[in-house]
Structures are given as structure tokens and as C-alpha cells.
PDB file of N, CA and C in Angstrom:
ATOM      1  N   MET A   1       0.836  -1.171   0.000  1.00  0.00           N
ATOM      2  CA  MET A   1       0.000   0.000   0.000  1.00  0.00           C
ATOM      3  C   MET A   1       0.880   1.233   0.000  1.00  0.00           C
ATOM      4  N   GLN A   2       0.525   2.175  -0.840  1.00  0.00           N
ATOM      5  CA  GLN A   2       1.307   3.402  -0.906  1.00  0.00           C
ATOM      6  C   GLN A   2       0.992   4.332   0.266  1.00  0.00           C
ATOM      7  N   ILE A   3      -0.262   4.348   0.692  1.00  0.00           N
ATOM      8  CA  ILE A   3      -0.682   5.150   1.844  1.00  0.00           C
ATOM      9  C   ILE A   3      -0.984   4.181   2.977  1.00  0.00           C
ATOM     10  N   PRO A   4      -0.485   4.437   4.199  1.00  0.00           N
ATOM     11  CA  PRO A   4      -0.723   3.516   5.312  1.00  0.00           C
ATOM     12  C   PRO A   4      -2.216   3.312   5.600  1.00  0.00           C
ATOM     13  N   LEU A   5      -2.535   2.158   6.129  1.00  0.00           N
ATOM     14  CA  LEU A   5      -3.889   1.813   6.511  1.00  0.00           C
ATOM     15  C   LEU A   5      -4.429   2.845   7.499  1.00  0.00           C
ATOM     16  N   GLN A   6      -5.651   3.323   7.257  1.00  0.00           N
ATOM     17  CA  GLN A   6      -6.302   4.283   8.150  1.00  0.00           C
ATOM     18  C   GLN A   6      -7.476   3.595   8.832  1.00  0.00           C
ATOM     19  N   ILE A   7      -7.469   3.605  10.160  1.00  0.00           N
ATOM     20  CA  ILE A   7      -8.533   2.975  10.941  1.00  0.00           C
ATOM     21  C   ILE A   7      -9.217   4.047  11.766  1.00  0.00           C
ATOM     22  N   THR A   8     -10.543   4.105  11.677  1.00  0.00           N
ATOM     23  CA  THR A   8     -11.333   5.045  12.469  1.00  0.00           C
ATOM     24  C   THR A   8     -12.388   4.259  13.235  1.00  0.00           C
ATOM     25  N   ILE A   9     -12.423   4.452  14.558  1.00  0.00           N
ATOM     26  CA  ILE A   9     -13.431   3.840  15.408  1.00  0.00           C
ATOM     27  C   ILE A   9     -14.265   4.986  15.980  1.00  0.00           C
ATOM     28  N   ARG A  10     -15.586   4.947  15.788  1.00  0.00           N
ATOM     29  CA  ARG A  10     -16.447   6.041  16.233  1.00  0.00           C
ATOM     30  C   ARG A  10     -17.510   5.557  17.214  1.00  0.00           C
ATOM     31  N   ASP A  11     -17.720   6.348  18.239  1.00  0.00           N
ATOM     32  CA  ASP A  11     -18.849   6.218  19.162  1.00  0.00           C
ATOM     33  C   ASP A  11     -18.858   4.952  20.021  1.00  0.00           C
ATOM     34  N   PHE A  12     -17.721   4.290  20.152  1.00  0.00           N
ATOM     35  CA  PHE A  12     -17.600   3.218  21.131  1.00  0.00           C
ATOM     36  C   PHE A  12     -16.131   3.043  21.464  1.00  0.00           C
ATOM     37  N   SER A  13     -15.858   2.344  22.557  1.00  0.00           N
ATOM     38  CA  SER A  13     -14.476   2.240  23.028  1.00  0.00           C
ATOM     39  C   SER A  13     -13.624   1.409  22.064  1.00  0.00           C
ATOM     40  N   HIS A  14     -12.420   1.875  21.861  1.00  0.00           N
ATOM     41  CA  HIS A  14     -11.469   1.247  20.948  1.00  0.00           C
ATOM     42  C   HIS A  14     -11.013  -0.086  21.525  1.00  0.00           C
ATOM     43  N   SER A  15     -10.950  -1.106  20.678  1.00  0.00           N
ATOM     44  CA  SER A  15     -10.549  -2.441  21.104  1.00  0.00           C
ATOM     45  C   SER A  15      -9.297  -2.867  20.352  1.00  0.00           C
ATOM     46  N   PRO A  16      -8.233  -3.282  21.065  1.00  0.00           N
ATOM     47  CA  PRO A  16      -7.036  -3.783  20.370  1.00  0.00           C
ATOM     48  C   PRO A  16      -7.344  -5.005  19.493  1.00  0.00           C
ATOM     49  N   ALA A  17      -8.297  -5.824  19.920  1.00  0.00           N
ATOM     50  CA  ALA A  17      -8.661  -7.005  19.131  1.00  0.00           C
ATOM     51  C   ALA A  17      -9.289  -6.589  17.803  1.00  0.00           C
ATOM     52  N   LEU A  18     -10.116  -5.547  17.826  1.00  0.00           N
ATOM     53  CA  LEU A  18     -10.752  -5.068  16.606  1.00  0.00           C
ATOM     54  C   LEU A  18      -9.714  -4.475  15.654  1.00  0.00           C
ATOM     55  N   SER A  19      -8.797  -3.695  16.185  1.00  0.00           N
ATOM     56  CA  SER A  19      -7.724  -3.120  15.348  1.00  0.00           C
ATOM     57  C   SER A  19      -6.854  -4.218  14.742  1.00  0.00           C
ATOM     58  N   SER A  20      -6.562  -5.230  15.524  1.00  0.00           N
ATOM     59  CA  SER A  20      -5.761  -6.348  15.035  1.00  0.00           C
ATOM     60  C   SER A  20      -6.471  -7.077  13.898  1.00  0.00           C
ATOM     61  N   ARG A  21      -7.772  -7.288  14.053  1.00  0.00           N
ATOM     62  CA  ARG A  21      -8.557  -7.971  13.007  1.00  0.00           C
ATOM     63  C   ARG A  21      -8.578  -7.142  11.731  1.00  0.00           C
ATOM     64  N   ILE A  22      -8.716  -5.822  11.879  1.00  0.00           N
ATOM     65  CA  ILE A  22      -8.713  -4.942  10.703  1.00  0.00           C
ATOM     66  C   ILE A  22      -7.387  -5.048   9.964  1.00  0.00           C
ATOM     67  N   ARG A  23      -6.282  -5.031  10.698  1.00  0.00           N
ATOM     68  CA  ARG A  23      -4.955  -5.131  10.077  1.00  0.00           C
ATOM     69  C   ARG A  23      -4.792  -6.469   9.342  1.00  0.00           C
ATOM     70  N   GLU A  24      -5.255  -7.558   9.955  1.00  0.00           N
ATOM     71  CA  GLU A  24      -5.171  -8.877   9.319  1.00  0.00           C
ATOM     72  C   GLU A  24      -5.946  -8.896   7.996  1.00  0.00           C
ATOM     73  N   LYS A  25      -7.171  -8.381   8.038  1.00  0.00           N
ATOM     74  CA  LYS A  25      -8.015  -8.384   6.837  1.00  0.00           C
ATOM     75  C   LYS A  25      -7.406  -7.506   5.741  1.00  0.00           C
ATOM     76  N   ALA A  26      -6.845  -6.363   6.122  1.00  0.00           N
ATOM     77  CA  ALA A  26      -6.227  -5.469   5.134  1.00  0.00           C
ATOM     78  C   ALA A  26      -5.005  -6.127   4.502  1.00  0.00           C
ATOM     79  N   GLU A  27      -4.217  -6.849   5.285  1.00  0.00           N
ATOM     80  CA  GLU A  27      -3.053  -7.554   4.735  1.00  0.00           C
ATOM     81  C   GLU A  27      -3.484  -8.612   3.725  1.00  0.00           C
ATOM     82  N   LYS A  28      -4.582  -9.302   3.998  1.00  0.00           N
ATOM     83  CA  LYS A  28      -5.073 -10.309   3.056  1.00  0.00           C
ATOM     84  C   LYS A  28      -5.520  -9.667   1.750  1.00  0.00           C
ATOM     85  N   LEU A  29      -6.113  -8.468   1.841  1.00  0.00           N
ATOM     86  CA  LEU A  29      -6.486  -7.758   0.617  1.00  0.00           C
ATOM     87  C   LEU A  29      -5.247  -7.396  -0.182  1.00  0.00           C
ATOM     88  N   GLN A  30      -4.200  -6.978   0.519  1.00  0.00           N
ATOM     89  CA  GLN A  30      -2.939  -6.608  -0.143  1.00  0.00           C
ATOM     90  C   GLN A  30      -2.350  -7.820  -0.877  1.00  0.00           C
ATOM     91  N   ASP A  31      -2.469  -9.007  -0.279  1.00  0.00           N
ATOM     92  CA  ASP A  31      -1.982 -10.227  -0.936  1.00  0.00           C
ATOM     93  C   ASP A  31      -2.799 -10.536  -2.197  1.00  0.00           C
ATOM     94  N   LEU A  32      -4.088 -10.221  -2.144  1.00  0.00           N
ATOM     95  CA  LEU A  32      -4.980 -10.492  -3.264  1.00  0.00           C
ATOM     96  C   LEU A  32      -4.720  -9.551  -4.441  1.00  0.00           C
ATOM     97  N   HIS A  33      -4.470  -8.288  -4.134  1.00  0.00           N
ATOM     98  CA  HIS A  33      -4.263  -7.275  -5.177  1.00  0.00           C
ATOM     99  C   HIS A  33      -3.143  -6.344  -4.729  1.00  0.00           C
ATOM    100  N   PRO A  34      -1.914  -6.582  -5.173  1.00  0.00           N
ATOM    101  CA  PRO A  34      -0.779  -5.783  -4.707  1.00  0.00           C
ATOM    102  C   PRO A  34      -0.799  -4.326  -5.165  1.00  0.00           C
ATOM    103  N   GLY A  35      -1.722  -3.957  -6.051  1.00  0.00           N
ATOM    104  CA  GLY A  35      -1.782  -2.589  -6.546  1.00  0.00           C
ATOM    105  C   GLY A  35      -2.620  -1.650  -5.694  1.00  0.00           C
ATOM    106  N   ILE A  36      -2.997  -2.059  -4.490  1.00  0.00           N
ATOM    107  CA  ILE A  36      -3.817  -1.204  -3.628  1.00  0.00           C
ATOM    108  C   ILE A  36      -3.027   0.044  -3.257  1.00  0.00           C
ATOM    109  N   VAL A  37      -3.649   1.189  -3.494  1.00  0.00           N
ATOM    110  CA  VAL A  37      -3.018   2.463  -3.187  1.00  0.00           C
ATOM    111  C   VAL A  37      -3.300   2.862  -1.745  1.00  0.00           C
ATOM    112  N   SER A  38      -4.563   2.699  -1.307  1.00  0.00           N
ATOM    113  CA  SER A  38      -4.920   3.056   0.069  1.00  0.00           C
ATOM    114  C   SER A  38      -6.084   2.215   0.549  1.00  0.00           C
ATOM    115  N   CYS A  39      -6.223   2.135   1.873  1.00  0.00           N
ATOM    116  CA  CYS A  39      -7.318   1.405   2.497  1.00  0.00           C
ATOM    117  C   CYS A  39      -7.728   2.168   3.753  1.00  0.00           C
ATOM    118  N   ARG A  40      -9.007   2.536   3.814  1.00  0.00           N
ATOM    119  CA  ARG A  40      -9.556   3.213   4.993  1.00  0.00           C
ATOM    120  C   ARG A  40     -10.677   2.360   5.549  1.00  0.00           C
ATOM    121  N   VAL A  41     -10.670   2.145   6.856  1.00  0.00           N
ATOM    122  CA  VAL A  41     -11.687   1.332   7.509  1.00  0.00           C
ATOM    123  C   VAL A  41     -12.314   2.157   8.618  1.00  0.00           C
ATOM    124  N   THR A  42     -13.640   2.215   8.627  1.00  0.00           N
ATOM    125  CA  THR A  42     -14.368   2.924   9.669  1.00  0.00           C
ATOM    126  C   THR A  42     -15.361   1.963  10.298  1.00  0.00           C
ATOM    127  N   VAL A  43     -15.348   1.886  11.615  1.00  0.00           N
ATOM    128  CA  VAL A  43     -16.325   1.094  12.360  1.00  0.00           C
ATOM    129  C   VAL A  43     -16.987   2.048  13.343  1.00  0.00           C
ATOM    130  N   GLU A  44     -18.314   2.089  13.307  1.00  0.00           N
ATOM    131  CA  GLU A  44     -19.016   3.014  14.193  1.00  0.00           C
ATOM    132  C   GLU A  44     -20.249   2.358  14.787  1.00  0.00           C
ATOM    133  N   GLU A  45     -20.583   2.827  15.973  1.00  0.00           N
ATOM    134  CA  GLU A  45     -21.817   2.388  16.606  1.00  0.00           C
ATOM    135  C   GLU A  45     -22.911   3.338  16.155  1.00  0.00           C
ATOM    136  N   LEU A  46     -24.009   2.782  15.657  1.00  0.00           N
ATOM    137  CA  LEU A  46     -25.056   3.615  15.065  1.00  0.00           C
ATOM    138  C   LEU A  46     -25.985   4.226  16.090  1.00  0.00           C
ATOM    139  N   GLY A  47     -26.115   3.650  17.223  1.00  0.00           N
ATOM    140  CA  GLY A  47     -27.018   4.182  18.240  1.00  0.00           C
ATOM    141  C   GLY A  47     -27.415   3.079  19.191  1.00  0.00           C
ATOM    142  N   LYS A  48     -27.619   3.474  20.390  1.00  0.00           N
ATOM    143  CA  LYS A  48     -27.998   2.489  21.406  1.00  0.00           C
ATOM    144  C   LYS A  48     -29.511   2.508  21.545  1.00  0.00           C
ATOM    145  N   HIS A  49     -30.128   1.398  21.243  1.00  0.00           N
ATOM    146  CA  HIS A  49     -31.570   1.275  21.380  1.00  0.00           C
ATOM    147  C   HIS A  49     -31.861   0.465  22.637  1.00  0.00           C
ATOM    148  N   GLN A  50     -32.823   0.930  23.413  1.00  0.00           N
ATOM    149  CA  GLN A  50     -33.138   0.238  24.658  1.00  0.00           C
ATOM    150  C   GLN A  50     -33.523  -1.214  24.418  1.00  0.00           C
ATOM    151  N   ARG A  51     -34.297  -1.450  23.406  1.00  0.00           N
ATOM    152  CA  ARG A  51     -34.803  -2.798  23.174  1.00  0.00           C
ATOM    153  C   ARG A  51     -33.922  -3.621  22.253  1.00  0.00           C
ATOM    154  N   HIS A  52     -33.197  -2.969  21.383  1.00  0.00           N
ATOM    155  CA  HIS A  52     -32.461  -3.696  20.360  1.00  0.00           C
ATOM    156  C   HIS A  52     -30.964  -3.780  20.603  1.00  0.00           C
ATOM    157  N   GLY A  53     -30.462  -3.131  21.609  1.00  0.00           N
ATOM    158  CA  GLY A  53     -29.037  -3.206  21.901  1.00  0.00           C
ATOM    159  C   GLY A  53     -28.197  -2.373  20.950  1.00  0.00           C
ATOM    160  N   HIS A  54     -26.967  -2.790  20.764  1.00  0.00           N
ATOM    161  CA  HIS A  54     -26.018  -2.050  19.937  1.00  0.00           C
ATOM    162  C   HIS A  54     -26.159  -2.448  18.468  1.00  0.00           C
ATOM    163  N   HIS A  55     -25.801  -1.510  17.617  1.00  0.00           N
ATOM    164  CA  HIS A  55     -25.817  -1.771  16.179  1.00  0.00           C
ATOM    165  C   HIS A  55     -24.591  -1.087  15.584  1.00  0.00           C
ATOM    166  N   PHE A  56     -23.823  -1.807  14.776  1.00  0.00           N
ATOM    167  CA  PHE A  56     -22.564  -1.294  14.250  1.00  0.00           C
ATOM    168  C   PHE A  56     -22.574  -1.261  12.731  1.00  0.00           C
ATOM    169  N   ARG A  57     -21.822  -0.307  12.179  1.00  0.00           N
ATOM    170  CA  ARG A  57     -21.612  -0.228  10.732  1.00  0.00           C
ATOM    171  C   ARG A  57     -20.111  -0.256  10.482  1.00  0.00           C
ATOM    172  N   ALA A  58     -19.706  -1.109   9.559  1.00  0.00           N
ATOM    173  CA  ALA A  58     -18.305  -1.161   9.127  1.00  0.00           C
ATOM    174  C   ALA A  58     -18.273  -0.729   7.668  1.00  0.00           C
ATOM    175  N   ARG A  59     -17.332   0.137   7.362  1.00  0.00           N
ATOM    176  CA  ARG A  59     -17.166   0.627   5.991  1.00  0.00           C
ATOM    177  C   ARG A  59     -15.703   0.467   5.607  1.00  0.00           C
ATOM    178  N   VAL A  60     -15.475  -0.079   4.411  1.00  0.00           N
ATOM    179  CA  VAL A  60     -14.121  -0.285   3.905  1.00  0.00           C
ATOM    180  C   VAL A  60     -14.022   0.410   2.553  1.00  0.00           C
ATOM    181  N   ASP A  61     -13.069   1.345   2.451  1.00  0.00           N
ATOM    182  CA  ASP A  61     -12.789   2.060   1.205  1.00  0.00           C
ATOM    183  C   ASP A  61     -11.401   1.645   0.733  1.00  0.00           C
ATOM    184  N   VAL A  62     -11.328   1.090  -0.459  1.00  0.00           N
ATOM    185  CA  VAL A  62     -10.048   0.665  -1.028  1.00  0.00           C
ATOM    186  C   VAL A  62      -9.862   1.369  -2.358  1.00  0.00           C
ATOM    187  N   ARG A  63      -8.706   1.948  -2.546  1.00  0.00           N
ATOM    188  CA  ARG A  63      -8.398   2.631  -3.805  1.00  0.00           C
ATOM    189  C   ARG A  63      -7.329   1.829  -4.536  1.00  0.00           C
ATOM    190  N   ILE A  64      -7.633   1.512  -5.792  1.00  0.00           N
ATOM    191  CA  ILE A  64      -6.665   0.880  -6.677  1.00  0.00           C
ATOM    192  C   ILE A  64      -6.521   1.800  -7.882  1.00  0.00           C
ATOM    193  N   PRO A  65      -5.499   1.656  -8.691  1.00  0.00           N
ATOM    194  CA  PRO A  65      -5.345   2.543  -9.842  1.00  0.00           C
ATOM    195  C   PRO A  65      -6.602   2.549 -10.724  1.00  0.00           C
ATOM    196  N   GLY A  66      -7.213   3.712 -10.862  1.00  0.00           N
ATOM    197  CA  GLY A  66      -8.382   3.861 -11.709  1.00  0.00           C
ATOM    198  C   GLY A  66      -9.720   3.581 -11.063  1.00  0.00           C
ATOM    199  N   LYS A  67      -9.752   3.124  -9.816  1.00  0.00           N
ATOM    200  CA  LYS A  67     -11.023   2.775  -9.170  1.00  0.00           C
ATOM    201  C   LYS A  67     -10.966   3.003  -7.675  1.00  0.00           C
ATOM    202  N   GLU A  68     -12.152   3.275  -7.111  1.00  0.00           N
ATOM    203  CA  GLU A  68     -12.308   3.269  -5.662  1.00  0.00           C
ATOM    204  C   GLU A  68     -13.420   2.286  -5.349  1.00  0.00           C
ATOM    205  N   LEU A  69     -13.117   1.312  -4.509  1.00  0.00           N
ATOM    206  CA  LEU A  69     -14.072   0.281  -4.135  1.00  0.00           C
ATOM    207  C   LEU A  69     -14.558   0.563  -2.727  1.00  0.00           C
ATOM    208  N   VAL A  70     -15.870   0.507  -2.529  1.00  0.00           N
ATOM    209  CA  VAL A  70     -16.450   0.825  -1.231  1.00  0.00           C
ATOM    210  C   VAL A  70     -17.437  -0.272  -0.855  1.00  0.00           C
ATOM    211  N   ALA A  71     -17.378  -0.695   0.392  1.00  0.00           N
ATOM    212  CA  ALA A  71     -18.335  -1.665   0.899  1.00  0.00           C
ATOM    213  C   ALA A  71     -18.658  -1.312   2.340  1.00  0.00           C
ATOM    214  N   HIS A  72     -19.903  -1.538   2.722  1.00  0.00           N
ATOM    215  CA  HIS A  72     -20.274  -1.330   4.115  1.00  0.00           C
ATOM    216  C   HIS A  72     -21.310  -2.367   4.506  1.00  0.00           C
ATOM    217  N   HIS A  73     -21.359  -2.619   5.789  1.00  0.00           N
ATOM    218  CA  HIS A  73     -22.291  -3.607   6.303  1.00  0.00           C
ATOM    219  C   HIS A  73     -22.675  -3.225   7.721  1.00  0.00           C
ATOM    220  N   GLU A  74     -23.921  -3.506   8.093  1.00  0.00           N
ATOM    221  CA  GLU A  74     -24.395  -3.233   9.444  1.00  0.00           C
ATOM    222  C   GLU A  74     -24.757  -4.547  10.119  1.00  0.00           C
ATOM    223  N   ASP A  75     -24.472  -4.608  11.420  1.00  0.00           N
ATOM    224  CA  ASP A  75     -24.765  -5.816  12.188  1.00  0.00           C
ATOM    225  C   ASP A  75     -24.799  -5.463  13.670  1.00  0.00           C
ATOM    226  N   GLU A  76     -25.332  -6.360  14.471  1.00  0.00           N
ATOM    227  CA  GLU A  76     -25.339  -6.170  15.919  1.00  0.00           C
ATOM    228  C   GLU A  76     -23.974  -6.459  16.527  1.00  0.00           C
ATOM    229  N   ASP A  77     -23.089  -7.091  15.764  1.00  0.00           N
ATOM    230  CA  ASP A  77     -21.737  -7.418  16.209  1.00  0.00           C
ATOM    231  C   ASP A  77     -20.741  -6.676  15.319  1.00  0.00           C
ATOM    232  N   ALA A  78     -19.849  -5.908  15.930  1.00  0.00           N
ATOM    233  CA  ALA A  78     -18.875  -5.120  15.167  1.00  0.00           C
ATOM    234  C   ALA A  78     -17.980  -6.026  14.318  1.00  0.00           C
ATOM    235  N   PHE A  79     -17.585  -7.178  14.856  1.00  0.00           N
ATOM    236  CA  PHE A  79     -16.706  -8.091  14.123  1.00  0.00           C
ATOM    237  C   PHE A  79     -17.425  -8.695  12.917  1.00  0.00           C
ATOM    238  N   ALA A  80     -18.712  -8.997  13.061  1.00  0.00           N
ATOM    239  CA  ALA A  80     -19.483  -9.549  11.941  1.00  0.00           C
ATOM    240  C   ALA A  80     -19.661  -8.501  10.850  1.00  0.00           C
ATOM    241  N   ALA A  81     -19.954  -7.264  11.242  1.00  0.00           N
ATOM    242  CA  ALA A  81     -20.093  -6.188  10.253  1.00  0.00           C
ATOM    243  C   ALA A  81     -18.781  -5.987   9.502  1.00  0.00           C
ATOM    244  N   LEU A  82     -17.679  -6.036  10.230  1.00  0.00           N
ATOM    245  CA  LEU A  82     -16.358  -5.881   9.629  1.00  0.00           C
ATOM    246  C   LEU A  82     -16.061  -7.013   8.648  1.00  0.00           C
ATOM    247  N   ARG A  83     -16.335  -8.243   9.047  1.00  0.00           N
ATOM    248  CA  ARG A  83     -16.089  -9.404   8.186  1.00  0.00           C
ATOM    249  C   ARG A  83     -16.876  -9.293   6.881  1.00  0.00           C
ATOM    250  N   GLU A  84     -18.153  -8.929   6.980  1.00  0.00           N
ATOM    251  CA  GLU A  84     -18.986  -8.841   5.782  1.00  0.00           C
ATOM    252  C   GLU A  84     -18.528  -7.712   4.854  1.00  0.00           C
ATOM    253  N   ALA A  85     -18.128  -6.578   5.419  1.00  0.00           N
ATOM    254  CA  ALA A  85     -17.651  -5.466   4.594  1.00  0.00           C
ATOM    255  C   ALA A  85     -16.358  -5.848   3.869  1.00  0.00           C
ATOM    256  N   PHE A  86     -15.438  -6.504   4.585  1.00  0.00           N
ATOM    257  CA  PHE A  86     -14.192  -6.925   3.943  1.00  0.00           C
ATOM    258  C   PHE A  86     -14.452  -8.000   2.887  1.00  0.00           C
ATOM    259  N   ASP A  87     -15.388  -8.908   3.145  1.00  0.00           N
ATOM    260  CA  ASP A  87     -15.721  -9.928   2.142  1.00  0.00           C
ATOM    261  C   ASP A  87     -16.254  -9.284   0.860  1.00  0.00           C
ATOM    262  N   SER A  88     -17.072  -8.251   1.020  1.00  0.00           N
ATOM    263  CA  SER A  88     -17.623  -7.559  -0.138  1.00  0.00           C
ATOM    264  C   SER A  88     -16.518  -6.864  -0.946  1.00  0.00           C
ATOM    265  N   VAL A  89     -15.594  -6.205  -0.254  1.00  0.00           N
ATOM    266  CA  VAL A  89     -14.481  -5.549  -0.950  1.00  0.00           C
ATOM    267  C   VAL A  89     -13.584  -6.577  -1.615  1.00  0.00           C
ATOM    268  N   ARG A  90     -13.381  -7.708  -0.969  1.00  0.00           N
ATOM    269  CA  ARG A  90     -12.557  -8.764  -1.562  1.00  0.00           C
ATOM    270  C   ARG A  90     -13.159  -9.224  -2.887  1.00  0.00           C
ATOM    271  N   ARG A  91     -14.477  -9.418  -2.914  1.00  0.00           N
ATOM    272  CA  ARG A  91     -15.146  -9.826  -4.159  1.00  0.00           C
ATOM    273  C   ARG A  91     -14.992  -8.755  -5.242  1.00  0.00           C
ATOM    274  N   GLN A  92     -15.105  -7.483  -4.846  1.00  0.00           N
ATOM    275  CA  GLN A  92     -14.930  -6.389  -5.804  1.00  0.00           C
ATOM    276  C   GLN A  92     -13.497  -6.357  -6.350  1.00  0.00           C
ATOM    277  N   LEU A  93     -12.522  -6.603  -5.472  1.00  0.00           N
ATOM    278  CA  LEU A  93     -11.124  -6.639  -5.914  1.00  0.00           C
ATOM    279  C   LEU A  93     -10.890  -7.786  -6.890  1.00  0.00           C
ATOM    280  N   GLU A  94     -11.491  -8.938  -6.611  1.00  0.00           N
ATOM    281  CA  GLU A  94     -11.350 -10.073  -7.519  1.00  0.00           C
ATOM    282  C   GLU A  94     -11.934  -9.736  -8.886  1.00  0.00           C
ATOM    283  N   GLU A  95     -13.085  -9.050  -8.906  1.00  0.00           N
ATOM    284  CA  GLU A  95     -13.698  -8.633 -10.166  1.00  0.00           C
ATOM    285  C   GLU A  95     -12.790  -7.658 -10.904  1.00  0.00           C
ATOM    286  N   ALA A  96     -12.226  -6.703 -10.169  1.00  0.00           N
ATOM    287  CA  ALA A  96     -11.361  -5.694 -10.787  1.00  0.00           C
ATOM    288  C   ALA A  96     -10.078  -6.315 -11.328  1.00  0.00           C
ATOM    289  N   ALA A  97      -9.577  -7.342 -10.665  1.00  0.00           N
ATOM    290  CA  ALA A  97      -8.324  -7.975 -11.078  1.00  0.00           C
ATOM    291  C   ALA A  97      -8.528  -8.977 -12.215  1.00  0.00           C
ATOM    292  N   ARG A  98      -9.744  -9.409 -12.432  1.00  0.00           N
ATOM    293  CA  ARG A  98     -10.018 -10.451 -13.429  1.00  0.00           C
ATOM    294  C   ARG A  98      -9.531 -10.084 -14.835  1.00  0.00           C
ATOM    295  N   PRO A  99      -9.815  -8.894 -15.359  1.00  0.00           N
ATOM    296  CA  PRO A  99      -9.328  -8.591 -16.718  1.00  0.00           C
ATOM    297  C   PRO A  99      -7.796  -8.579 -16.820  1.00  0.00           C
ATOM    298  N   THR A 100      -7.120  -8.151 -15.779  1.00  0.00           N
ATOM    299  CA  THR A 100      -5.657  -8.117 -15.841  1.00  0.00           C
ATOM    300  C   THR A 100      -5.061  -9.511 -15.728  1.00  0.00           C
ATOM    301  N   ARG A 101      -5.805 -10.419 -15.155  1.00  0.00           N
ATOM    302  CA  ARG A 101      -5.331 -11.804 -15.037  1.00  0.00           C
ATOM    303  C   ARG A 101      -5.784 -12.667 -16.205  1.00  0.00           C
ATOM    304  N   ARG A 102      -6.472 -12.055 -17.147  1.00  0.00           N
ATOM    305  CA  ARG A 102      -6.993 -12.753 -18.332  1.00  0.00           C
ATOM    306  C   ARG A 102      -7.934 -13.887 -17.952  1.00  0.00           C
ATOM    307  N   GLU A 103      -8.759 -13.629 -16.948  1.00  0.00           N
ATOM    308  CA  GLU A 103      -9.730 -14.631 -16.517  1.00  0.00           C
ATOM    309  C   GLU A 103     -11.115 -14.316 -17.064  1.00  0.00           C
ATOM    310  N   ILE A 104     -11.155 -13.604 -18.190  1.00  0.00           N
ATOM    311  CA  ILE A 104     -12.429 -13.267 -18.790  1.00  0.00           C
ATOM    312  C   ILE A 104     -12.961 -14.505 -19.481  1.00  0.00           C
ATOM    313  N   LYS A 105     -14.255 -14.739 -19.298  1.00  0.00           N
ATOM    314  CA  LYS A 105     -14.848 -15.931 -19.899  1.00  0.00           C
ATOM    315  C   LYS A 105     -14.754 -15.855 -21.430  1.00  0.00           C
ATOM    316  N   ALA A 106     -14.341 -16.945 -22.035  1.00  0.00           N
ATOM    317  CA  ALA A 106     -14.270 -17.023 -23.486  1.00  0.00           C
ATOM    318  C   ALA A 106     -15.659 -17.366 -24.019  1.00  0.00           C
ATOM    319  N   ARG A 107     -16.048 -16.717 -25.086  1.00  0.00           N
ATOM    320  CA  ARG A 107     -17.345 -17.005 -25.681  1.00  0.00           C
ATOM    321  C   ARG A 107     -17.263 -18.281 -26.495  1.00  0.00           C
ATOM    322  N   SER A 108     -18.304 -19.053 -26.437  1.00  0.00           N
ATOM    323  CA  SER A 108     -18.337 -20.253 -27.262  1.00  0.00           C
ATOM    324  C   SER A 108     -18.823 -19.876 -28.656  1.00  0.00           C
ATOM    325  N   PRO A 109     -18.319 -20.534 -29.668  1.00  0.00           N
ATOM    326  CA  PRO A 109     -18.733 -20.210 -31.055  1.00  0.00           C
ATOM    327  C   PRO A 109     -20.224 -20.436 -31.229  1.00  0.00           C
ATOM    328  N   VAL A 110     -20.843 -19.599 -32.044  1.00  0.00           N
ATOM    329  CA  VAL A 110     -22.272 -19.698 -32.316  1.00  0.00           C
ATOM    330  C   VAL A 110     -22.536 -20.997 -33.079  1.00  0.00           C
ATOM    331  N   GLY A 111     -23.559 -21.714 -32.650  1.00  0.00           N
ATOM    332  CA  GLY A 111     -23.938 -22.936 -33.343  1.00  0.00           C
ATOM    333  C   GLY A 111     -23.311 -24.192 -32.732  1.00  0.00           C
ATOM    334  N   SER A 112     -22.341 -24.056 -31.841  1.00  0.00           N
ATOM    335  CA  SER A 112     -21.778 -25.262 -31.234  1.00  0.00           C
ATOM    336  C   SER A 112     -22.510 -25.524 -29.930  1.00  0.00           C
ATOM    337  N   ALA A 113     -22.825 -26.745 -29.701  1.00  0.00           N
ATOM    338  CA  ALA A 113     -23.566 -27.103 -28.503  1.00  0.00           C
ATOM    339  C   ALA A 113     -22.930 -28.228 -27.773  1.00  0.00           C
TER     340      ALA A 113
END
């Protein structure tokens, strides 16, 4: 990554375990697509509801040459929201890397079955 990983935790106490998980997930993205320019991760608590408990949103912004990929997910568990957001960005990175890896599906000739 050309720009260091940026982690923002909003509206709840910072957890070393959460920061560690974010770093692990970001490193795996870097292994998947070495052209990542920057990665910003934000985890925030959306509001405390008396009946529903805590609710968290995780957002992952990844910039690669020519594109910015964004994914977010909400869940009652901060780690689950984070996992789903990173999974979504991973899928987007795989899609973005597909043309450069020549993994584009070949068309079958018309009339052959």
C-alpha cells in the first residue's frame, strides 16, 4: 500500500482485538491485489436502542489505480459487520483484477452445442 492503513473507530471504546482484526483483513487484501493504493476502515456504533441493543456499521474504502471500491455492512456485532464489509471488498477486488489476469470468460462459437 502506498498510503498507510487508516482505521477510524467512532462512538464506542477502541478495542485492540478489533484493530488487530482490521490489520489482518487489510493484509489479506494486499496479498490479493498488490496494486492497492490506500485502504480506509471505519467502524461506528449507530445508536444504542433500549430494546435492540447495539448496532454497528463497518465501511471499507479501497483505492486501486483507476477505481475506488467501497463496501459497508451493518450488524449487531462489530466483528461480523467488519467481516462482511471486507468480504464484499474482496469480491470487488477479484472482479477488478479479473481482466488483468486474463480470466475473462471465453465465448463459445455460435452454433456449437
